[in-house]
C-alpha atoms as a PDB file:
ATOM      1  CA  MET A   1      91.352 -83.787 286.267  1.00  0.00           C
ATOM      2  CA  SER A   2      92.594 -83.481 282.719  1.00  0.00           C
ATOM      3  CA  LYS A   3      93.728 -80.201 281.210  1.00  0.00           C
ATOM      4  CA  PHE A   4      90.836 -80.303 278.735  1.00  0.00           C
ATOM      5  CA  SER A   5      88.268 -80.747 281.478  1.00  0.00           C
ATOM      6  CA  ASN A   6      89.775 -77.878 283.465  1.00  0.00           C
ATOM      7  CA  TRP A   7      89.799 -75.661 280.360  1.00  0.00           C
ATOM      8  CA  LYS A   8      86.198 -76.625 279.533  1.00  0.00           C
ATOM      9  CA  ASN A   9      85.020 -75.726 283.034  1.00  0.00           C
ATOM     10  CA  THR A  10      86.796 -72.371 282.829  1.00  0.00           C
ATOM     11  CA  VAL A  11      85.242 -71.542 279.456  1.00  0.00           C
ATOM     12  CA  VAL A  12      81.752 -72.599 280.526  1.00  0.00           C
ATOM     13  CA  SER A  13      81.961 -70.536 283.711  1.00  0.00           C
ATOM     14  CA  ARG A  14      82.924 -67.476 281.679  1.00  0.00           C
ATOM     15  CA  MET A  15      80.003 -67.979 279.297  1.00  0.00           C
ATOM     16  CA  GLN A  16      77.345 -68.263 281.998  1.00  0.00           C
ATOM     17  CA  GLY A  17      76.256 -66.274 285.008  1.00  0.00           C
ATOM     18  CA  LYS A  18      76.156 -62.601 285.841  1.00  0.00           C
ATOM     19  CA  ASN A  19      79.773 -62.048 284.799  1.00  0.00           C
ATOM     20  CA  ALA A  20      79.331 -63.588 281.355  1.00  0.00           C
ATOM     21  CA  ASP A  21      81.382 -62.070 278.575  1.00  0.00           C
ATOM     22  CA  GLU A  22      79.076 -60.046 276.348  1.00  0.00           C
ATOM     23  CA  GLY A  23      81.612 -59.335 273.617  1.00  0.00           C
ATOM     24  CA  ALA A  24      82.753 -56.006 272.280  1.00  0.00           C
ATOM     25  CA  GLY A  25      80.342 -53.129 271.993  1.00  0.00           C
ATOM     26  CA  PHE A  26      79.824 -50.388 269.457  1.00  0.00           C
ATOM     27  CA  VAL A  27      82.359 -48.077 271.111  1.00  0.00           C
ATOM     28  CA  GLU A  28      85.162 -50.654 270.890  1.00  0.00           C
ATOM     29  CA  TYR A  29      84.464 -51.351 267.231  1.00  0.00           C
ATOM     30  CA  ALA A  30      84.205 -47.645 266.409  1.00  0.00           C
ATOM     31  CA  GLY A  31      87.506 -46.972 268.187  1.00  0.00           C
ATOM     32  CA  LEU A  32      89.186 -49.792 266.304  1.00  0.00           C
ATOM     33  CA  LEU A  33      87.862 -48.455 263.007  1.00  0.00           C
ATOM     34  CA  VAL A  34      89.215 -44.962 263.783  1.00  0.00           C
ATOM     35  CA  LEU A  35      92.613 -46.423 264.712  1.00  0.00           C
ATOM     36  CA  ILE A  36      92.833 -48.446 261.495  1.00  0.00           C
ATOM     37  CA  ALA A  37      91.797 -45.419 259.426  1.00  0.00           C
ATOM     38  CA  ALA A  38      94.500 -43.312 261.105  1.00  0.00           C
ATOM     39  CA  ILE A  39      97.172 -45.920 260.374  1.00  0.00           C
ATOM     40  CA  VAL A  40      96.125 -46.258 256.724  1.00  0.00           C
ATOM     41  CA  THR A  41      96.042 -42.467 256.336  1.00  0.00           C
ATOM     42  CA  ALA A  42      99.531 -42.160 257.825  1.00  0.00           C
ATOM     43  CA  VAL A  43     100.957 -44.912 255.606  1.00  0.00           C
ATOM     44  CA  VAL A  44      99.491 -43.404 252.439  1.00  0.00           C
ATOM     45  CA  GLY A  45     100.237 -39.807 253.456  1.00  0.00           C
ATOM     46  CA  LEU A  46     103.892 -40.520 254.189  1.00  0.00           C
ATOM     47  CA  GLY A  47     104.331 -42.530 251.009  1.00  0.00           C
ATOM     48  CA  LEU A  48     105.201 -45.665 252.908  1.00  0.00           C
ATOM     49  CA  ASP A  49     102.986 -47.854 250.759  1.00  0.00           C
ATOM     50  CA  GLY A  50     105.627 -48.118 248.032  1.00  0.00           C
ATOM     51  CA  ILE A  51     108.406 -48.783 250.529  1.00  0.00           C
ATOM     52  CA  ILE A  52     106.386 -51.477 252.299  1.00  0.00           C
ATOM     53  CA  SER A  53     105.318 -53.218 249.089  1.00  0.00           C
ATOM     54  CA  GLY A  54     108.907 -53.084 247.798  1.00  0.00           C
ATOM     55  CA  ALA A  55     110.253 -54.616 250.994  1.00  0.00           C
ATOM     56  CA  ILE A  56     107.653 -57.386 250.873  1.00  0.00           C
ATOM     57  CA  GLY A  57     108.458 -58.050 247.212  1.00  0.00           C
ATOM     58  CA  ASP A  58     112.181 -58.229 247.964  1.00  0.00           C
ATOM     59  CA  ALA A  59     111.579 -60.628 250.858  1.00  0.00           C
ATOM     60  CA  VAL A  60     109.402 -62.895 248.715  1.00  0.00           C
ATOM     61  CA  ALA A  61     112.010 -62.849 245.945  1.00  0.00           C
ATOM     62  CA  THR A  62     114.724 -63.767 248.444  1.00  0.00           C
ATOM     63  CA  ILE A  63     112.684 -66.666 249.807  1.00  0.00           C
ATOM     64  CA  THR A  64     111.605 -68.009 246.424  1.00  0.00           C
ATOM     65  CA  GLY A  65     115.009 -67.437 244.857  1.00  0.00           C
ATOM     66  CA  GLY A  66     113.905 -65.261 242.072  1.00  0.00           C
END
């Protein structure tokens, strides 16, 4: 049996039946949104946005040579 056929059978079995994956629910998405908001608030509150953008700019300048 080829690797693709084995992979296909695994994926199909996970998509069908009583144990089918139903995807993320509202609670998971809400939790992720709260986590992202907390990270953004911390970055802005600590003034890290300037440091991060400066570091990215320096790295790009180093790579591009200018």
